[in-house]
Amino acid sequence: MAKILILGAVGAATGIAAVPLAVGVLGFTAAGITAGSVAASLMSSSAVAGGGAVAAGSAVAVMQSIGAAGLSVAGTGVAGTVGAVAGTLFALL
């Protein structure tokens, strides 16, 4: 039982830490979209599809928000929950 709790907690912490890190690696940063990155390509595609604008609430907009300001309270909860579930499943294997 302790193994499940420990791996669930480790998974939660990892999920919370990994999301902003992964978003930054893609090129969504506090300074904006990094030129030549995956983020730049996604933003370009999104803008072309949106007639020159990136829709609020789109995946690109959400990832840029995370890159600029970090996870919201709700985002932290989701990332932690997904990580905890993954850690718990790993412990059960």
PDB file of N, CA and C in Angstrom:
ATOM      1  N   MET A   1       0.814  -1.199   0.000  1.00  0.00           N
ATOM      2  CA  MET A   1       0.000   0.000   0.000  1.00  0.00           C
ATOM      3  C   MET A   1       0.854   1.258   0.000  1.00  0.00           C
ATOM      4  N   ALA A   2       1.948   1.252   0.773  1.00  0.00           N
ATOM      5  CA  ALA A   2       2.831   2.416   0.844  1.00  0.00           C
ATOM      6  C   ALA A   2       3.450   2.698  -0.518  1.00  0.00           C
ATOM      7  N   LYS A   3       3.798   1.623  -1.244  1.00  0.00           N
ATOM      8  CA  LYS A   3       4.387   1.781  -2.577  1.00  0.00           C
ATOM      9  C   LYS A   3       3.420   2.514  -3.500  1.00  0.00           C
ATOM     10  N   ILE A   4       2.153   2.190  -3.440  1.00  0.00           N
ATOM     11  CA  ILE A   4       1.140   2.832  -4.283  1.00  0.00           C
ATOM     12  C   ILE A   4       1.027   4.315  -3.930  1.00  0.00           C
ATOM     13  N   LEU A   5       0.987   4.612  -2.630  1.00  0.00           N
ATOM     14  CA  LEU A   5       0.882   6.006  -2.202  1.00  0.00           C
ATOM     15  C   LEU A   5       2.110   6.818  -2.602  1.00  0.00           C
ATOM     16  N   ILE A   6       3.269   6.232  -2.419  1.00  0.00           N
ATOM     17  CA  ILE A   6       4.512   6.941  -2.759  1.00  0.00           C
ATOM     18  C   ILE A   6       4.601   7.191  -4.256  1.00  0.00           C
ATOM     19  N   LEU A   7       4.349   6.177  -5.062  1.00  0.00           N
ATOM     20  CA  LEU A   7       4.425   6.358  -6.518  1.00  0.00           C
ATOM     21  C   LEU A   7       3.310   7.268  -7.036  1.00  0.00           C
ATOM     22  N   GLY A   8       2.158   7.260  -6.379  1.00  0.00           N
ATOM     23  CA  GLY A   8       1.104   8.200  -6.745  1.00  0.00           C
ATOM     24  C   GLY A   8       1.530   9.635  -6.477  1.00  0.00           C
ATOM     25  N   ALA A   9       2.157   9.874  -5.331  1.00  0.00           N
ATOM     26  CA  ALA A   9       2.634  11.216  -4.989  1.00  0.00           C
ATOM     27  C   ALA A   9       3.767  11.661  -5.914  1.00  0.00           C
ATOM     28  N   VAL A  10       4.676  10.746  -6.201  1.00  0.00           N
ATOM     29  CA  VAL A  10       5.774  11.064  -7.119  1.00  0.00           C
ATOM     30  C   VAL A  10       5.211  11.370  -8.512  1.00  0.00           C
ATOM     31  N   GLY A  11       4.233  10.601  -8.939  1.00  0.00           N
ATOM     32  CA  GLY A  11       3.603  10.850 -10.238  1.00  0.00           C
ATOM     33  C   GLY A  11       2.919  12.206 -10.286  1.00  0.00           C
ATOM     34  N   ALA A  12       2.244  12.576  -9.206  1.00  0.00           N
ATOM     35  CA  ALA A  12       1.574  13.885  -9.153  1.00  0.00           C
ATOM     36  C   ALA A  12       2.593  15.007  -9.271  1.00  0.00           C
ATOM     37  N   ALA A  13       3.665  14.919  -8.504  1.00  0.00           N
ATOM     38  CA  ALA A  13       4.702  15.958  -8.550  1.00  0.00           C
ATOM     39  C   ALA A  13       5.363  16.019  -9.926  1.00  0.00           C
ATOM     40  N   THR A  14       5.598  14.861 -10.501  1.00  0.00           N
ATOM     41  CA  THR A  14       6.212  14.806 -11.828  1.00  0.00           C
ATOM     42  C   THR A  14       5.292  15.419 -12.881  1.00  0.00           C
ATOM     43  N   GLY A  15       4.007  15.111 -12.807  1.00  0.00           N
ATOM     44  CA  GLY A  15       3.054  15.681 -13.756  1.00  0.00           C
ATOM     45  C   GLY A  15       3.012  17.193 -13.679  1.00  0.00           C
ATOM     46  N   ILE A  16       3.005  17.718 -12.458  1.00  0.00           N
ATOM     47  CA  ILE A  16       2.952  19.171 -12.270  1.00  0.00           C
ATOM     48  C   ILE A  16       4.224  19.834 -12.803  1.00  0.00           C
ATOM     49  N   ALA A  17       5.368  19.210 -12.602  1.00  0.00           N
ATOM     50  CA  ALA A  17       6.633  19.780 -13.066  1.00  0.00           C
ATOM     51  C   ALA A  17       6.839  19.596 -14.569  1.00  0.00           C
ATOM     52  N   ALA A  18       6.340  18.488 -15.113  1.00  0.00           N
ATOM     53  CA  ALA A  18       6.620  18.147 -16.507  1.00  0.00           C
ATOM     54  C   ALA A  18       5.855  19.002 -17.511  1.00  0.00           C
ATOM     55  N   VAL A  19       4.645  19.408 -17.181  1.00  0.00           N
ATOM     56  CA  VAL A  19       3.832  20.146 -18.163  1.00  0.00           C
ATOM     57  C   VAL A  19       4.491  21.469 -18.557  1.00  0.00           C
ATOM     58  N   PRO A  20       4.835  22.353 -17.612  1.00  0.00           N
ATOM     59  CA  PRO A  20       5.485  23.607 -18.028  1.00  0.00           C
ATOM     60  C   PRO A  20       6.831  23.372 -18.719  1.00  0.00           C
ATOM     61  N   LEU A  21       7.554  22.352 -18.272  1.00  0.00           N
ATOM     62  CA  LEU A  21       8.835  22.035 -18.901  1.00  0.00           C
ATOM     63  C   LEU A  21       8.632  21.620 -20.358  1.00  0.00           C
ATOM     64  N   ALA A  22       7.686  20.737 -20.597  1.00  0.00           N
ATOM     65  CA  ALA A  22       7.415  20.265 -21.960  1.00  0.00           C
ATOM     66  C   ALA A  22       6.930  21.403 -22.858  1.00  0.00           C
ATOM     67  N   VAL A  23       6.084  22.259 -22.322  1.00  0.00           N
ATOM     68  CA  VAL A  23       5.573  23.390 -23.096  1.00  0.00           C
ATOM     69  C   VAL A  23       6.732  24.320 -23.470  1.00  0.00           C
ATOM     70  N   GLY A  24       7.644  24.551 -22.529  1.00  0.00           N
ATOM     71  CA  GLY A  24       8.817  25.384 -22.802  1.00  0.00           C
ATOM     72  C   GLY A  24       9.724  24.774 -23.853  1.00  0.00           C
ATOM     73  N   VAL A  25       9.911  23.465 -23.793  1.00  0.00           N
ATOM     74  CA  VAL A  25      10.745  22.776 -24.781  1.00  0.00           C
ATOM     75  C   VAL A  25      10.152  22.923 -26.179  1.00  0.00           C
ATOM     76  N   LEU A  26       8.840  22.949 -26.275  1.00  0.00           N
ATOM     77  CA  LEU A  26       8.192  23.129 -27.580  1.00  0.00           C
ATOM     78  C   LEU A  26       8.369  24.537 -28.133  1.00  0.00           C
ATOM     79  N   GLY A  27       8.715  25.502 -27.251  1.00  0.00           N
ATOM     80  CA  GLY A  27       8.956  26.870 -27.710  1.00  0.00           C
ATOM     81  C   GLY A  27       7.968  27.888 -27.201  1.00  0.00           C
ATOM     82  N   PHE A  28       7.093  27.514 -26.288  1.00  0.00           N
ATOM     83  CA  PHE A  28       6.158  28.449 -25.665  1.00  0.00           C
ATOM     84  C   PHE A  28       6.826  28.970 -24.396  1.00  0.00           C
ATOM     85  N   THR A  29       7.317  30.212 -24.405  1.00  0.00           N
ATOM     86  CA  THR A  29       8.095  30.737 -23.286  1.00  0.00           C
ATOM     87  C   THR A  29       7.490  32.024 -22.742  1.00  0.00           C
ATOM     88  N   ALA A  30       8.036  32.479 -21.616  1.00  0.00           N
ATOM     89  CA  ALA A  30       7.581  33.732 -21.011  1.00  0.00           C
ATOM     90  C   ALA A  30       7.865  34.918 -21.924  1.00  0.00           C
ATOM     91  N   ALA A  31       8.876  34.806 -22.763  1.00  0.00           N
ATOM     92  CA  ALA A  31       9.217  35.874 -23.699  1.00  0.00           C
ATOM     93  C   ALA A  31       8.408  35.799 -24.998  1.00  0.00           C
ATOM     94  N   GLY A  32       7.589  34.781 -25.143  1.00  0.00           N
ATOM     95  CA  GLY A  32       6.788  34.599 -26.358  1.00  0.00           C
ATOM     96  C   GLY A  32       7.171  33.321 -27.071  1.00  0.00           C
ATOM     97  N   ILE A  33       6.696  33.206 -28.297  1.00  0.00           N
ATOM     98  CA  ILE A  33       6.969  32.023 -29.117  1.00  0.00           C
ATOM     99  C   ILE A  33       8.410  32.097 -29.630  1.00  0.00           C
ATOM    100  N   THR A  34       9.157  31.016 -29.476  1.00  0.00           N
ATOM    101  CA  THR A  34      10.533  30.964 -29.952  1.00  0.00           C
ATOM    102  C   THR A  34      10.549  30.734 -31.461  1.00  0.00           C
ATOM    103  N   ALA A  35      11.297  31.596 -32.171  1.00  0.00           N
ATOM    104  CA  ALA A  35      11.385  31.492 -33.627  1.00  0.00           C
ATOM    105  C   ALA A  35      11.949  30.136 -34.039  1.00  0.00           C
ATOM    106  N   GLY A  36      11.362  29.546 -35.070  1.00  0.00           N
ATOM    107  CA  GLY A  36      11.843  28.282 -35.607  1.00  0.00           C
ATOM    108  C   GLY A  36      11.481  27.044 -34.795  1.00  0.00           C
ATOM    109  N   SER A  37      10.685  27.210 -33.762  1.00  0.00           N
ATOM    110  CA  SER A  37      10.331  26.094 -32.887  1.00  0.00           C
ATOM    111  C   SER A  37       9.047  25.414 -33.349  1.00  0.00           C
ATOM    112  N   VAL A  38       8.727  24.322 -32.678  1.00  0.00           N
ATOM    113  CA  VAL A  38       7.452  23.644 -32.910  1.00  0.00           C
ATOM    114  C   VAL A  38       6.312  24.622 -32.616  1.00  0.00           C
ATOM    115  N   ALA A  39       6.472  25.421 -31.566  1.00  0.00           N
ATOM    116  CA  ALA A  39       5.446  26.402 -31.203  1.00  0.00           C
ATOM    117  C   ALA A  39       5.202  27.394 -32.333  1.00  0.00           C
ATOM    118  N   ALA A  40       6.273  27.832 -32.988  1.00  0.00           N
ATOM    119  CA  ALA A  40       6.127  28.773 -34.094  1.00  0.00           C
ATOM    120  C   ALA A  40       5.353  28.143 -35.251  1.00  0.00           C
ATOM    121  N   SER A  41       5.644  26.886 -35.523  1.00  0.00           N
ATOM    122  CA  SER A  41       4.935  26.177 -36.583  1.00  0.00           C
ATOM    123  C   SER A  41       3.450  26.013 -36.245  1.00  0.00           C
ATOM    124  N   LEU A  42       3.169  25.629 -34.986  1.00  0.00           N
ATOM    125  CA  LEU A  42       1.776  25.476 -34.563  1.00  0.00           C
ATOM    126  C   LEU A  42       1.032  26.808 -34.596  1.00  0.00           C
ATOM    127  N   MET A  43       1.702  27.871 -34.167  1.00  0.00           N
ATOM    128  CA  MET A  43       1.059  29.179 -34.165  1.00  0.00           C
ATOM    129  C   MET A  43       0.771  29.638 -35.593  1.00  0.00           C
ATOM    130  N   SER A  44       1.719  29.414 -36.494  1.00  0.00           N
ATOM    131  CA  SER A  44       1.519  29.783 -37.888  1.00  0.00           C
ATOM    132  C   SER A  44       0.332  29.038 -38.492  1.00  0.00           C
ATOM    133  N   SER A  45       0.282  27.741 -38.265  1.00  0.00           N
ATOM    134  CA  SER A  45      -0.831  26.935 -38.796  1.00  0.00           C
ATOM    135  C   SER A  45      -2.163  27.391 -38.216  1.00  0.00           C
ATOM    136  N   SER A  46      -2.162  27.672 -36.924  1.00  0.00           N
ATOM    137  CA  SER A  46      -3.383  28.112 -36.257  1.00  0.00           C
ATOM    138  C   SER A  46      -3.842  29.463 -36.785  1.00  0.00           C
ATOM    139  N   ALA A  47      -2.896  30.367 -37.003  1.00  0.00           N
ATOM    140  CA  ALA A  47      -3.241  31.696 -37.518  1.00  0.00           C
ATOM    141  C   ALA A  47      -3.772  31.618 -38.944  1.00  0.00           C
ATOM    142  N   VAL A  48      -3.166  30.775 -39.755  1.00  0.00           N
ATOM    143  CA  VAL A  48      -3.640  30.609 -41.138  1.00  0.00           C
ATOM    144  C   VAL A  48      -5.063  30.045 -41.123  1.00  0.00           C
ATOM    145  N   ALA A  49      -5.297  29.044 -40.297  1.00  0.00           N
ATOM    146  CA  ALA A  49      -6.628  28.440 -40.212  1.00  0.00           C
ATOM    147  C   ALA A  49      -7.652  29.416 -39.650  1.00  0.00           C
ATOM    148  N   GLY A  50      -7.206  30.335 -38.789  1.00  0.00           N
ATOM    149  CA  GLY A  50      -8.114  31.288 -38.158  1.00  0.00           C
ATOM    150  C   GLY A  50      -8.224  32.606 -38.897  1.00  0.00           C
ATOM    151  N   GLY A  51      -7.728  32.664 -40.125  1.00  0.00           N
ATOM    152  CA  GLY A  51      -7.817  33.896 -40.900  1.00  0.00           C
ATOM    153  C   GLY A  51      -6.919  35.002 -40.353  1.00  0.00           C
ATOM    154  N   GLY A  52      -5.802  34.630 -39.752  1.00  0.00           N
ATOM    155  CA  GLY A  52      -4.853  35.606 -39.240  1.00  0.00           C
ATOM    156  C   GLY A  52      -4.850  35.741 -37.733  1.00  0.00           C
ATOM    157  N   ALA A  53      -5.780  35.122 -37.083  1.00  0.00           N
ATOM    158  CA  ALA A  53      -5.851  35.213 -35.618  1.00  0.00           C
ATOM    159  C   ALA A  53      -5.813  33.818 -35.005  1.00  0.00           C
ATOM    160  N   VAL A  54      -5.283  33.751 -33.805  1.00  0.00           N
ATOM    161  CA  VAL A  54      -5.286  32.500 -33.039  1.00  0.00           C
ATOM    162  C   VAL A  54      -6.472  32.567 -32.086  1.00  0.00           C
ATOM    163  N   ALA A  55      -7.350  31.591 -32.168  1.00  0.00           N
ATOM    164  CA  ALA A  55      -8.575  31.594 -31.366  1.00  0.00           C
ATOM    165  C   ALA A  55      -8.263  31.452 -29.876  1.00  0.00           C
ATOM    166  N   ALA A  56      -8.945  32.261 -29.078  1.00  0.00           N
ATOM    167  CA  ALA A  56      -8.818  32.146 -27.623  1.00  0.00           C
ATOM    168  C   ALA A  56      -9.302  30.765 -27.193  1.00  0.00           C
ATOM    169  N   GLY A  57      -8.577  30.137 -26.304  1.00  0.00           N
ATOM    170  CA  GLY A  57      -8.950  28.809 -25.826  1.00  0.00           C
ATOM    171  C   GLY A  57      -8.441  27.669 -26.686  1.00  0.00           C
ATOM    172  N   SER A  58      -7.792  28.001 -27.809  1.00  0.00           N
ATOM    173  CA  SER A  58      -7.236  26.941 -28.658  1.00  0.00           C
ATOM    174  C   SER A  58      -6.022  26.330 -27.975  1.00  0.00           C
ATOM    175  N   ALA A  59      -5.572  25.210 -28.481  1.00  0.00           N
ATOM    176  CA  ALA A  59      -4.408  24.535 -27.890  1.00  0.00           C
ATOM    177  C   ALA A  59      -3.188  25.452 -27.901  1.00  0.00           C
ATOM    178  N   VAL A  60      -2.994  26.182 -28.974  1.00  0.00           N
ATOM    179  CA  VAL A  60      -1.855  27.101 -29.069  1.00  0.00           C
ATOM    180  C   VAL A  60      -1.976  28.199 -28.020  1.00  0.00           C
ATOM    181  N   ALA A  61      -3.151  28.760 -27.856  1.00  0.00           N
ATOM    182  CA  ALA A  61      -3.354  29.826 -26.870  1.00  0.00           C
ATOM    183  C   ALA A  61      -3.143  29.317 -25.446  1.00  0.00           C
ATOM    184  N   VAL A  62      -3.635  28.130 -25.170  1.00  0.00           N
ATOM    185  CA  VAL A  62      -3.475  27.558 -23.823  1.00  0.00           C
ATOM    186  C   VAL A  62      -2.004  27.260 -23.537  1.00  0.00           C
ATOM    187  N   MET A  63      -1.297  26.681 -24.511  1.00  0.00           N
ATOM    188  CA  MET A  63       0.120  26.377 -24.288  1.00  0.00           C
ATOM    189  C   MET A  63       0.950  27.646 -24.135  1.00  0.00           C
ATOM    190  N   GLN A  64       0.619  28.707 -24.877  1.00  0.00           N
ATOM    191  CA  GLN A  64       1.344  29.956 -24.713  1.00  0.00           C
ATOM    192  C   GLN A  64       1.062  30.559 -23.344  1.00  0.00           C
ATOM    193  N   SER A  65      -0.150  30.427 -22.868  1.00  0.00           N
ATOM    194  CA  SER A  65      -0.492  30.905 -21.535  1.00  0.00           C
ATOM    195  C   SER A  65       0.320  30.169 -20.472  1.00  0.00           C
ATOM    196  N   ILE A  66       0.433  28.857 -20.617  1.00  0.00           N
ATOM    197  CA  ILE A  66       1.238  28.066 -19.675  1.00  0.00           C
ATOM    198  C   ILE A  66       2.706  28.477 -19.767  1.00  0.00           C
ATOM    199  N   GLY A  67       3.198  28.673 -20.984  1.00  0.00           N
ATOM    200  CA  GLY A  67       4.586  29.086 -21.162  1.00  0.00           C
ATOM    201  C   GLY A  67       4.863  30.445 -20.557  1.00  0.00           C
ATOM    202  N   ALA A  68       3.910  31.349 -20.643  1.00  0.00           N
ATOM    203  CA  ALA A  68       4.106  32.712 -20.143  1.00  0.00           C
ATOM    204  C   ALA A  68       3.899  32.824 -18.647  1.00  0.00           C
ATOM    205  N   ALA A  69       2.882  32.155 -18.118  1.00  0.00           N
ATOM    206  CA  ALA A  69       2.497  32.370 -16.717  1.00  0.00           C
ATOM    207  C   ALA A  69       2.534  31.114 -15.859  1.00  0.00           C
ATOM    208  N   GLY A  70       2.792  29.962 -16.444  1.00  0.00           N
ATOM    209  CA  GLY A  70       2.765  28.721 -15.682  1.00  0.00           C
ATOM    210  C   GLY A  70       1.360  28.142 -15.643  1.00  0.00           C
ATOM    211  N   LEU A  71       1.211  27.071 -14.913  1.00  0.00           N
ATOM    212  CA  LEU A  71      -0.086  26.405 -14.815  1.00  0.00           C
ATOM    213  C   LEU A  71      -1.031  27.180 -13.900  1.00  0.00           C
ATOM    214  N   SER A  72      -2.280  27.206 -14.274  1.00  0.00           N
ATOM    215  CA  SER A  72      -3.313  27.769 -13.400  1.00  0.00           C
ATOM    216  C   SER A  72      -3.593  26.763 -12.281  1.00  0.00           C
ATOM    217  N   VAL A  73      -4.431  27.151 -11.349  1.00  0.00           N
ATOM    218  CA  VAL A  73      -4.812  26.230 -10.276  1.00  0.00           C
ATOM    219  C   VAL A  73      -5.487  24.992 -10.868  1.00  0.00           C
ATOM    220  N   ALA A  74      -6.388  25.207 -11.809  1.00  0.00           N
ATOM    221  CA  ALA A  74      -7.070  24.073 -12.447  1.00  0.00           C
ATOM    222  C   ALA A  74      -6.080  23.215 -13.243  1.00  0.00           C
ATOM    223  N   GLY A  75      -5.172  23.860 -13.955  1.00  0.00           N
ATOM    224  CA  GLY A  75      -4.168  23.127 -14.724  1.00  0.00           C
ATOM    225  C   GLY A  75      -3.250  22.311 -13.839  1.00  0.00           C
ATOM    226  N   THR A  76      -2.893  22.880 -12.692  1.00  0.00           N
ATOM    227  CA  THR A  76      -2.072  22.156 -11.732  1.00  0.00           C
ATOM    228  C   THR A  76      -2.818  20.928 -11.222  1.00  0.00           C
ATOM    229  N   GLY A  77      -4.098  21.091 -10.966  1.00  0.00           N
ATOM    230  CA  GLY A  77      -4.915  19.968 -10.506  1.00  0.00           C
ATOM    231  C   GLY A  77      -4.999  18.863 -11.531  1.00  0.00           C
ATOM    232  N   VAL A  78      -5.197  19.247 -12.782  1.00  0.00           N
ATOM    233  CA  VAL A  78      -5.292  18.246 -13.851  1.00  0.00           C
ATOM    234  C   VAL A  78      -3.955  17.532 -14.036  1.00  0.00           C
ATOM    235  N   ALA A  79      -2.861  18.299 -14.114  1.00  0.00           N
ATOM    236  CA  ALA A  79      -1.542  17.691 -14.304  1.00  0.00           C
ATOM    237  C   ALA A  79      -1.188  16.778 -13.131  1.00  0.00           C
ATOM    238  N   GLY A  80      -1.507  17.216 -11.924  1.00  0.00           N
ATOM    239  CA  GLY A  80      -1.236  16.397 -10.746  1.00  0.00           C
ATOM    240  C   GLY A  80      -2.062  15.134 -10.722  1.00  0.00           C
ATOM    241  N   THR A  81      -3.316  15.240 -11.101  1.00  0.00           N
ATOM    242  CA  THR A  81      -4.198  14.075 -11.122  1.00  0.00           C
ATOM    243  C   THR A  81      -3.746  13.057 -12.166  1.00  0.00           C
ATOM    244  N   VAL A  82      -3.428  13.534 -13.348  1.00  0.00           N
ATOM    245  CA  VAL A  82      -2.957  12.627 -14.401  1.00  0.00           C
ATOM    246  C   VAL A  82      -1.660  11.947 -13.963  1.00  0.00           C
ATOM    247  N   GLY A  83      -0.751  12.721 -13.374  1.00  0.00           N
ATOM    248  CA  GLY A  83       0.500  12.141 -12.887  1.00  0.00           C
ATOM    249  C   GLY A  83       0.274  11.130 -11.779  1.00  0.00           C
ATOM    250  N   ALA A  84      -0.636  11.447 -10.855  1.00  0.00           N
ATOM    251  CA  ALA A  84      -0.935  10.527  -9.745  1.00  0.00           C
ATOM    252  C   ALA A  84      -1.526   9.219 -10.257  1.00  0.00           C
ATOM    253  N   VAL A  85      -2.425   9.315 -11.216  1.00  0.00           N
ATOM    254  CA  VAL A  85      -3.020   8.106 -11.801  1.00  0.00           C
ATOM    255  C   VAL A  85      -1.942   7.270 -12.498  1.00  0.00           C
ATOM    256  N   ALA A  86      -1.066   7.943 -13.246  1.00  0.00           N
ATOM    257  CA  ALA A  86       0.009   7.217 -13.933  1.00  0.00           C
ATOM    258  C   ALA A  86       0.941   6.535 -12.926  1.00  0.00           C
ATOM    259  N   GLY A  87       1.300   7.250 -11.866  1.00  0.00           N
ATOM    260  CA  GLY A  87       2.166   6.666 -10.838  1.00  0.00           C
ATOM    261  C   GLY A  87       1.517   5.499 -10.140  1.00  0.00           C
ATOM    262  N   THR A  88       0.230   5.632  -9.854  1.00  0.00           N
ATOM    263  CA  THR A  88      -0.499   4.553  -9.187  1.00  0.00           C
ATOM    264  C   THR A  88      -0.594   3.324 -10.090  1.00  0.00           C
ATOM    265  N   LEU A  89      -0.899   3.540 -11.359  1.00  0.00           N
ATOM    266  CA  LEU A  89      -0.961   2.415 -12.301  1.00  0.00           C
ATOM    267  C   LEU A  89       0.388   1.731 -12.425  1.00  0.00           C
ATOM    268  N   PHE A  90       1.450   2.524 -12.434  1.00  0.00           N
ATOM    269  CA  PHE A  90       2.791   1.958 -12.503  1.00  0.00           C
ATOM    270  C   PHE A  90       3.067   1.091 -11.272  1.00  0.00           C
ATOM    271  N   ALA A  91       2.618   1.567 -10.110  1.00  0.00           N
ATOM    272  CA  ALA A  91       2.831   0.808  -8.868  1.00  0.00           C
ATOM    273  C   ALA A  91       2.063  -0.517  -8.879  1.00  0.00           C
ATOM    274  N   LEU A  92       0.944  -0.529  -9.554  1.00  0.00           N
ATOM    275  CA  LEU A  92       0.116  -1.739  -9.584  1.00  0.00           C
ATOM    276  C   LEU A  92       0.623  -2.785 -10.580  1.00  0.00           C
ATOM    277  N   LEU A  93       1.519  -2.390 -11.449  1.00  0.00           N
ATOM    278  CA  LEU A  93       2.039  -3.347 -12.450  1.00  0.00           C
ATOM    279  C   LEU A  93       2.975  -4.329 -11.870  1.00  0.00           C
TER     280      LEU A  93
END
